[in-house]
Amino acid sequence: MPRYLLYLKRYYTGNVAETLNNLFFDEFAPLREEGLNTLKLEFGRFYRSFGRISCSIRYGLES
């Protein structure tokens, strides 16, 4: 079972964006490293390239 499902009950606030922020993006979020760990697992030594692409897409959509 993915860890985030275990945390969902405790961190769900009714607001999806706030819940995601609390789980993944806050300074002490329990799943803060989950994205990086998944990239490393899936792409091995190429994970940095895919991480940069992901960041570019994310920040490109915000502007």
Protein backbone atom coordinates (compact mmCIF):
# COMPACT_ATOMS: atom_id res chain seq x y z
CA MET A 1 0.00 0.00 0.00
CA PRO A 2 1.45 3.40 -0.92
CA ARG A 3 2.40 5.46 2.10
CA TYR A 4 0.38 8.48 0.99
CA LEU A 5 -2.87 6.53 1.47
CA LEU A 6 -1.98 6.03 5.12
CA TYR A 7 -1.36 9.76 5.57
CA LEU A 8 -4.45 10.88 3.68
CA LYS A 9 -6.88 10.53 6.59
CA ARG A 10 -4.70 12.60 8.90
CA TYR A 11 -3.79 15.34 6.40
CA TYR A 12 -6.96 15.71 4.33
CA THR A 13 -8.52 19.12 5.02
CA GLY A 14 -11.29 19.18 2.44
CA ASN A 15 -9.11 21.31 0.15
CA VAL A 16 -7.07 19.25 -2.31
CA ALA A 17 -4.40 21.91 -2.93
CA GLU A 18 -3.88 22.44 0.80
CA THR A 19 -3.73 18.69 1.42
CA LEU A 20 -1.10 18.21 -1.30
CA ASN A 21 0.90 21.08 0.11
CA ASN A 22 0.76 19.57 3.62
CA LEU A 23 1.76 16.12 2.38
CA PHE A 24 4.42 16.92 -0.21
CA PHE A 25 5.60 20.54 -0.22
CA ASP A 26 5.79 21.89 3.33
CA GLU A 27 9.19 21.99 4.99
CA PHE A 28 8.37 19.04 7.28
CA ALA A 29 5.94 17.21 4.96
CA PRO A 30 6.02 13.44 5.48
CA LEU A 31 6.20 12.72 1.74
CA ARG A 32 8.53 15.55 0.75
CA GLU A 33 11.12 13.20 -0.80
CA GLU A 34 8.56 10.92 -2.48
CA GLY A 35 8.83 12.54 -5.93
CA LEU A 36 12.63 12.40 -5.97
CA ASN A 37 12.65 8.80 -4.75
CA THR A 38 10.19 7.80 -7.48
CA LEU A 39 12.29 9.50 -10.16
CA LYS A 40 15.40 7.67 -8.93
CA LEU A 41 13.58 4.35 -8.89
CA GLU A 42 12.07 4.73 -12.36
CA PHE A 43 14.89 6.45 -14.26
CA GLY A 44 18.06 5.43 -12.42
CA ARG A 45 21.03 7.63 -13.16
CA PHE A 46 18.96 9.77 -15.55
CA TYR A 47 16.61 10.99 -12.81
CA ARG A 48 18.12 14.50 -12.76
CA SER A 49 17.17 15.09 -16.39
CA PHE A 50 13.58 14.07 -15.80
CA GLY A 51 13.49 16.14 -12.61
CA ARG A 52 14.55 19.23 -14.55
CA ILE A 53 11.91 18.55 -17.18
CA SER A 54 9.25 18.20 -14.47
CA CYS A 55 10.29 21.46 -12.82
CA SER A 56 10.29 23.26 -16.16
CA ILE A 57 6.77 22.06 -16.88
CA ARG A 58 5.54 22.97 -13.39
CA TYR A 59 7.01 26.48 -13.39
CA GLY A 60 6.09 27.02 -17.02
CA LEU A 61 2.42 26.37 -16.21
CA GLU A 62 2.45 28.88 -13.34
CA SER A 63 3.45 31.82 -15.55
